C-alpha atoms as a PDB file:
ATOM      1  CA  MET A   1     -74.996 -63.100 -11.771  1.00  0.00           C
ATOM      2  CA  LYS A   2     -71.459 -63.375 -10.404  1.00  0.00           C
ATOM      3  CA  VAL A   3     -69.242 -66.065 -11.831  1.00  0.00           C
ATOM      4  CA  PRO A   4     -66.912 -67.648  -9.256  1.00  0.00           C
ATOM      5  CA  ILE A   5     -63.223 -67.234  -9.953  1.00  0.00           C
ATOM      6  CA  ILE A   6     -61.404 -70.538  -9.852  1.00  0.00           C
ATOM      7  CA  LEU A   7     -57.712 -70.285  -9.024  1.00  0.00           C
ATOM      8  CA  SER A   8     -55.200 -72.988  -9.716  1.00  0.00           C
ATOM      9  CA  LYS A   9     -53.538 -74.499  -6.665  1.00  0.00           C
ATOM     10  CA  LYS A  10     -50.253 -72.916  -7.785  1.00  0.00           C
ATOM     11  CA  GLN A  11     -51.825 -69.482  -7.966  1.00  0.00           C
ATOM     12  CA  LEU A  12     -53.468 -69.975  -4.586  1.00  0.00           C
ATOM     13  CA  ILE A  13     -50.103 -70.853  -3.008  1.00  0.00           C
ATOM     14  CA  LEU A  14     -48.508 -67.748  -4.519  1.00  0.00           C
ATOM     15  CA  ASP A  15     -51.414 -65.548  -3.415  1.00  0.00           C
ATOM     16  CA  LEU A  16     -51.244 -66.895   0.143  1.00  0.00           C
ATOM     17  CA  CYS A  17     -47.515 -66.201   0.219  1.00  0.00           C
ATOM     18  CA  ARG A  18     -48.083 -62.655  -0.997  1.00  0.00           C
ATOM     19  CA  GLU A  19     -50.857 -62.108   1.586  1.00  0.00           C
ATOM     20  CA  LYS A  20     -48.497 -63.204   4.357  1.00  0.00           C
ATOM     21  CA  GLY A  21     -45.720 -60.962   3.043  1.00  0.00           C
ATOM     22  CA  LEU A  22     -43.260 -63.831   2.767  1.00  0.00           C
ATOM     23  CA  ASP A  23     -40.071 -63.317   0.812  1.00  0.00           C
ATOM     24  CA  ARG A  24     -38.160 -66.255   2.259  1.00  0.00           C
ATOM     25  CA  VAL A  25     -39.851 -69.529   3.118  1.00  0.00           C
ATOM     26  CA  GLY A  26     -38.734 -72.255   5.504  1.00  0.00           C
ATOM     27  CA  GLU A  27     -40.417 -75.368   6.856  1.00  0.00           C
ATOM     28  CA  GLN A  28     -42.553 -73.473   9.367  1.00  0.00           C
ATOM     29  CA  ALA A  29     -43.918 -71.122   6.691  1.00  0.00           C
ATOM     30  CA  ILE A  30     -44.635 -74.081   4.412  1.00  0.00           C
ATOM     31  CA  ARG A  31     -46.572 -75.738   7.241  1.00  0.00           C
ATOM     32  CA  GLY A  32     -48.609 -72.541   7.616  1.00  0.00           C
ATOM     33  CA  LEU A  33     -49.299 -72.390   3.880  1.00  0.00           C
ATOM     34  CA  ARG A  34     -50.436 -76.013   3.953  1.00  0.00           C
ATOM     35  CA  VAL A  35     -52.858 -75.267   6.799  1.00  0.00           C
ATOM     36  CA  ASP A  36     -54.231 -72.301   4.838  1.00  0.00           C
ATOM     37  CA  LEU A  37     -54.653 -74.467   1.731  1.00  0.00           C
ATOM     38  CA  ARG A  38     -56.640 -77.029   3.712  1.00  0.00           C
ATOM     39  CA  ARG A  39     -58.871 -74.283   5.058  1.00  0.00           C
ATOM     40  CA  ARG A  40     -59.611 -73.088   1.553  1.00  0.00           C
ATOM     41  CA  LEU A  41     -59.679 -76.395  -0.320  1.00  0.00           C
ATOM     42  CA  GLY A  42     -61.101 -78.681   2.362  1.00  0.00           C
ATOM     43  CA  PRO A  43     -59.707 -81.234   4.789  1.00  0.00           C
ATOM     44  CA  ASP A  44     -59.093 -83.789   2.041  1.00  0.00           C
ATOM     45  CA  ASP A  45     -56.498 -81.562   0.362  1.00  0.00           C
ATOM     46  CA  GLY A  46     -53.224 -83.441   0.392  1.00  0.00           C
ATOM     47  CA  THR A  47     -50.812 -80.839  -0.937  1.00  0.00           C
ATOM     48  CA  SER A  48     -47.290 -81.938  -0.022  1.00  0.00           C
ATOM     49  CA  PHE A  49     -44.547 -79.775   1.423  1.00  0.00           C
ATOM     50  CA  SER A  50     -42.387 -80.603  -1.587  1.00  0.00           C
ATOM     51  CA  TYR A  51     -45.083 -79.389  -4.016  1.00  0.00           C
ATOM     52  CA  ILE A  52     -45.419 -76.092  -2.156  1.00  0.00           C
ATOM     53  CA  ALA A  53     -41.631 -75.672  -2.067  1.00  0.00           C
ATOM     54  CA  SER A  54     -41.359 -76.428  -5.796  1.00  0.00           C
ATOM     55  CA  VAL A  55     -44.076 -73.915  -6.705  1.00  0.00           C
ATOM     56  CA  LEU A  56     -42.352 -71.212  -4.680  1.00  0.00           C
ATOM     57  CA  ARG A  57     -38.926 -71.986  -6.158  1.00  0.00           C
ATOM     58  CA  GLU A  58     -40.377 -71.848  -9.674  1.00  0.00           C
ATOM     59  CA  ALA A  59     -41.714 -68.390  -8.818  1.00  0.00           C
ATOM     60  CA  GLY A  60     -38.200 -67.284  -7.819  1.00  0.00           C
ATOM     61  CA  MET A  61     -38.678 -67.229  -4.063  1.00  0.00           C
ATOM     62  CA  ARG A  62     -35.972 -68.200  -1.615  1.00  0.00           C
ATOM     63  CA  VAL A  63     -36.980 -71.528  -0.110  1.00  0.00           C
ATOM     64  CA  ASP A  64     -35.086 -73.036   2.833  1.00  0.00           C
ATOM     65  CA  TYR A  65     -36.629 -76.478   2.686  1.00  0.00           C
ATOM     66  CA  GLN A  66     -35.364 -79.794   1.340  1.00  0.00           C
ATOM     67  CA  ASP A  67     -36.598 -83.332   1.324  1.00  0.00           C
ATOM     68  CA  ARG A  68     -35.977 -86.268  -0.947  1.00  0.00           C
ATOM     69  CA  PHE A  69     -38.565 -84.972  -3.448  1.00  0.00           C
ATOM     70  CA  THR A  70     -37.279 -81.412  -3.834  1.00  0.00           C
ATOM     71  CA  GLY A  71     -34.080 -80.191  -5.376  1.00  0.00           C
ATOM     72  CA  PRO A  72     -31.624 -77.935  -3.547  1.00  0.00           C
END
C-alpha cells in the first residue's frame, strides 16, 4: 500500500517555483504560484502574496514584490 506524501505549504511553494524554473519572482509570478496552490490545495486555500514572497525570500530567492506585510 502506498502512503501519500504530505508536503508542507512552504515546500509546495518552493517545488512549484523549481518546476517553473523561476530564479527571480515578481508580482505576476506570485499570482501564478497562488493559482497553482489553489489548484493543488483547493479553492478555499487563502495563501497570501506576502506569505509566498516571504517563503521565497527565506529560501534565498530574489523577490521583486512588496506590500505592507513584507519586508524589502
